Every structure is written in structure tokens, then in C-alpha cells.
Amino acid sequence: MTKAPVIELSEAEARKELAQLAMQIAYHDARYYQDDAPEVSDAEYDALRLRNAEIEERFPELRRKDSPSNRVGAAPSSGFAKVQHARPMLSLANAFDGDDVHDFVARARRFLGLEAETEVALVAEPKIDGLSASLRYENGIFRVGATRGDGAEGEDITRNLRTLDEIPERIEGAPDVLEVRGEVYMSRDDFFALNQRQEANDAKVFANPRNAAAGSLRQLNADITAERPLKFFAYSWGEVSEPFADSQWGALERFAAWGFTTNPLSRVCRSVNEALAFHGEVLEQRADLPYDIDGIVYKVDRLDWQDRLGMVSRAPRWAIAHKFPAEQAVTVLEDIVIQVGRTGALTPVAHLAPVTVGGVVVSRATLHNEDEIARLGVKVGDHVVVQRAGDVIPQVVEVLVEHRKDAAALRDFEVLDRCPVCGSRAVREEGEAVRRCTGGLICPAQSVERMKHFVSREAFDIEGLGAKHIVSFIEDKLIATPGDIFRLREKRDDLLSREGWGEQSADNVLQAIEDRKSISLDRFIYALGIRQIGQATARLLARQYGSLEAWRTAMTAAAVERAENSEEMKKPELVGEIYSELCNVDQIGISVADDLVSFFAEAQNQEVLNDLALTLDVENFEVADTSGSPVAGKTVVFTGTLETMTRSEAKARAEALGAKVAGSVSKKTDYVVAGPGAGSKAKKAEELDVPILSEEDWNDLVGAAV
């Protein structure tokens, strides 16, 4: 992505970067919330979300349907039953310094219309680094426990939560319906003891207490969870049948009275300065606490004010997380090694003299890309500052040039123009920070990662066929393409001859593969691992084209149009009708469209699709019954400033009624809904004689269908 300040971005650059950010953040959400295996630090992740929010603020009309601003967490794993949250489990906005906290309280004052001298009390609580959980009590009896999931739907982990001593089975004097929410965590001492036991049993060793807690709680076998030393802090609530407190502090007191553990460090602060002082106190104690925390959460104490403040996007207006600074250490950079990722990205990784950072031994750190290496001015042999923020992938943030005593002992990083794995050309496209291998499916590094992605939870979700099996099957030439996975039954004898495989384990995997021969179109599209095509975009494409055949036909035709008109990239309508229609799909645009048509332009990818189409039953996209809707099947464009609803709300409402929302006006547009400030889109509608509706007209049109 571009390093340019947001204020300097053009609309095209902003659209492209928002697409890249949506893809990156969705990927990291899945690694963190679903796999309990984050790949970036909190600071890197927060920076991605902050960049996304800043671009959306400057270009609100470019806000994507799959915008990270609208999303919390990631979809729940298919290994558990699903639980719909009666009230969403929200995430929190972040504050990184005192000014951000002052701004948070000032915004609350303005929203509530309070005078400057009116006290806004805050409840300050340590932000525990664990796994969020919701506990539903009915008539005082614990009935259902769930993970956060994507905020709207989580995983049913009731049996696992029942194994925690700090979660009471019954409570007295509570409302008939009460959802208690909090954090499941593992203390540091318990974490180190668990890892010692894991090592002794030749089992998985966890990177940090958060991963250990999440991995322990999300076991399909609750007996394993029962063996793990998990704890629970209560701090919030979801659905309740009646109020049980009038303040946040009062709610914490009720939780304690019902037998839940609340954090003893929590405090009521009467001013922002008190809250910031508390933040400083806890930061000094951080290393001595028995559990990991990564900041302080401030919540407006009065619940009537919380109700009035409500929420914005994915977070409440009445709460904010004040993050702690990332933890750092100094070590020697011994080498820079290039890793090739699933999409062919060449990522430089620093090999370090091992050093302990925040309780974790670090020997690897990301250097992101060659621009970052140049910016840092780092050389092999340098003393460097390594930073991490509670996660597993640290980063090099500074070079200590004053330690350079022997210039001959240092070595510059050499940019590679060939993939270190397959030898194919490694190219860096204009405007891109990343260099990529052009080998595609012939590159072993990409082949392995693409196949691992293909069978992952969010894609085909083939139970028992994990990453280790994929790697070994490819190495031993049992499989070479995705279609080979579905022909493994023909190689059952080869499976049985492998170490650790018996008849039952082989048959279980083969049956799991057989069960996945039928798959929804959106999951199939996502499984292909096309660059920039995350789960949300895959679903968008499935909705737009309906069937695998229709999607393939359109993408292949668009690829031909694009190849024949390569000089017209800034004007999709000049490239061709089908390519233009693809770009015109709301939240697709030229950047995503080009990655799609590039995939379809490769003969080997078409061969893979032909093979899979003959093997699988790819289900058509299911559309809700909108037969009574006046806009079903219509194409709608929203432009200008909407006054009675947000742009996202308007788009979601239109799609729920069976309409297709487009990003620009064409002769296929049925309606343009124009608010104040409508510009070029309204003008284009007039030129094409497309009906232009006011927001009031639109509400009248769809009102009867709501």
C-alpha cells in the first residue's frame, strides 16, 4: 500500500487501498479470532484499522460493504454449533495517548449536550488479553456460553465454560434473563507450567497466554479444557430481561455479589486526568501482574448516558481502550531471509540473536518489505530494537547506528529479482510495496500455501486434513492440485502405508473429503485464494453472478476484454461491457477486478477450475425471497449525503430487498438515490435518463416492503 498521507490520496488510490486494507484486516481477524494464531502485533493491526478509518473519513462514499469498520472479530468456526447474540458483542475503539482520551470524553460531552463543568465519571478497568465469552443465565441457571465470533454470531462453548471454577452454575437474585460477558484468560505461571507439560508430552507449545487460553477454551473435547487452568473476569453484559444497575460500577458490584470475579484493580475515575493517572499506575505494575493486559478500558459510568450514546460502526461511543506502549528489546540482526507467502509475496524476515521481549523469547521479526528495510537503513549485523505487543510476530522498529564499530562486519540487504523457491521472476508492480513471485501454482511455496488455504476453515473446511497433511501429501506427490484432494480415495492404499495412518483415520479423512464435494459458491470462490478476494468479497461476487458457470463465463470474458484493451485501465467502460460491469459492482472497483481477471487469464488456473467443476457440486447462491419487493432485481446507486440513514444502512436495506447496489451509474442502472451534494453520478444519471430519487422518494418506494 501507498505510504502517502491520507490527505494526498486520489480517489482511485483511496479505493485501491481500502480494498487492500479490507483483505488484510479480514485475514488477520481470522488468524486471531478463529485460529488463535495471530501473525502481526497489536500495534501493526491497530495501524491498519486506523489507516482504514482515516481514509473512510476523507472518502465516505468509498466505504466498502466489507469495511473493517462494520465488522467485529471473525466468523465462528464450523467445529462448533452457532449461537446468535441477542445483543452484538462489540469491539472497542482505541486511544493511543492522553489526547485521544480527552477527545473521547469531549465527544461524549458534545453528543450528550453536557456543560463543560458537568462531571463525566469513567470506570477504568485493565484490558485483559484473553478470549471474550458470553454466559446466558435463565432463571438463575447457566444455560448457554458462547465466544464473540463475528460479534453477531459466536460458537457454542457451553460445555467448555462449565469446566471453569470461576463461572457459577447458579446465581441468586438475578433477572430472569441475564447475559454476563467477560474475558477467559490464563495466568502467566499457569501458562509456563502448561507449556512445560506440553513439551514433555511432545504436544503443541503455545506462544503466549492469550493463545493458550483461546486454544484451550475452543477444544471440541471439553475434557481437555477441564485440564487447563482457565480463569474468568466479568465486566459487561448482553441481553437482560430487566435493569439490574444504574451505573457501570454498580453492575460490577452486582456481578461480584452473584459470585463472579471482577478485576480488583478497576476504579471509578471522576476526571480524564484521574483516568490517565490510573493508566500510568497500572502500566508500572504491568510486569508484576499475574496475567497479561494490553491497556485500560474506560467506560462512561452512568448507564442512562451509555444508552443515549449508543454505538457507531463496530464500537460503542461510551467506551474506549487506551492501549499500552508496545514492549521493546535490543538484539543483533544476524540475517535477513526471504519468505514466500500464499499469494507470492516476498517478505523479508529478520533472524535475530534470541532475546526475551515481554516474557516471550523472540528470534524472528518481520521487516515487512524492501521499502521498510531502506527506511530503517538496516544492515545484517546491526544492533536493532525489536518491538512486540503481546502477539507472536514482532517487528524491527529501529537501528542503533551508534553500535556500528566494524563496518566490514555489516552486510547490505540485496533485493531479489527472482523467487528464492522456484526461480521465477519476482516483480514489484507500480504503487505496490510488496514484490511478488510470478510462478503462481508452479511455485512450491505458493502451491503449499494455496492448498492449505483451500482446505482451511473458512474455505472447504475438510476436517482432519490439516496443514501438516497438506505439506506431506504435496512433498510425497500424493496431491499436486486442488482437484487431487478429491481423488485421494483412489490412493487409499498409499494412505494406509504412511506412518500414523490406520484404516479408521484414513476412512475418516476420505469421508470428510467426500462430504465437502458439495459447497456454496461464495466459499468456493474464497477457497481459490485469489488476491484481494476475502470472504466478504467472495460473497459479493456470488450474490452478483449467482452460479459458478455464470461467474466463470463473466470473469473469462472480462479477462479477454482487459487483455485487448490494456491501456484503458482508468476507464473500465472503454475496456469492455463485462469488465465494466464487474468494476461497477459496489465495492469491487478496478484493483479487485484486475486481480480477478489476472487469475482467469492464466491457463493453469482455468485448468484447475475445469477439474474442480467436473468433480464438485458448487451450489448456486441462495437469494432470500424478495418477490414482494418493489426493487427486487433492480440496480441502485446511492450518491450524495444521506440524512435519515447511513450509506451502509441504505445499501444493506436495498440488498435485503433484492436490489443490486452499484458503485457507479451506467445504462443498466434502474435508480439513482441522490442526497445533498450529489455530483457526477447524478449528472451521469441525467445524461442516461436514469430515474433520480430523493431520499424521501426512496423511502416511500421501499417503505411498504420493510
Foldseek 3Di string as FASTA:
>chain_A
DDPDDLVPDDPQRLLLLQLQLLLVLQVQLCCVQEVVAGAAFPVVNLVSLVVNVVNCVVVVLSQFLSGPLQWARAAEFPLFDKDFFPAFDFDFAADADLVSLVVLVVVLCVLVVHDPPDWFKKKKAFAFLAWKKKWKAAQFATDWMFGNGTRGMTGTLSLLVVLAPQDDRGFPPFFRIWIWMWGKWDFQVLLVVVQVVCVVVVHDRDQFGRSVRSVLSPDSDSVSVNVGHIAIATQDIGDGPDDDDFWSVSVNVVCVVRRHHHDPLIDIDRDSVSNVVSFVVVVVCQLVDRGHTFFMKIFRTGVVSQVSQQPDNRHTSGMYTHGDDWWKDKWAFADWDWAAAQQQWTWTKTATDWDDTSNGTDGIATQGFPVSCVVQVDWHGFIFMWTHRRHDHIHTDHTPCVPPDDPVVTHHDDDDQADPQPRAGWAADPPGRTTGGPCALVGVNNVLNLLQLLCDRLALVQPLCHSVNSVVCVVVVCDRANLSLLVCVVVLVVQCVDPPDHPVSSVSSNVSSVVSLEEEQLSNVCSSVQPSRHSVNSLLLLLVQFDPVSSLVLLQVLLVLCVVPVPCLVPQVVSDDSLVVQCFQRSCHSSNSVSSSVLSVDPVSVVSVVSSVVRGHHHTDDADDLVVFPAAAAEEEEFEADDPDRPSVVCVVSVNNRYGYTSADDLRHQEYEYDPPGDDRVVVCVVSVHHYHYPVRVCVRGVVVD
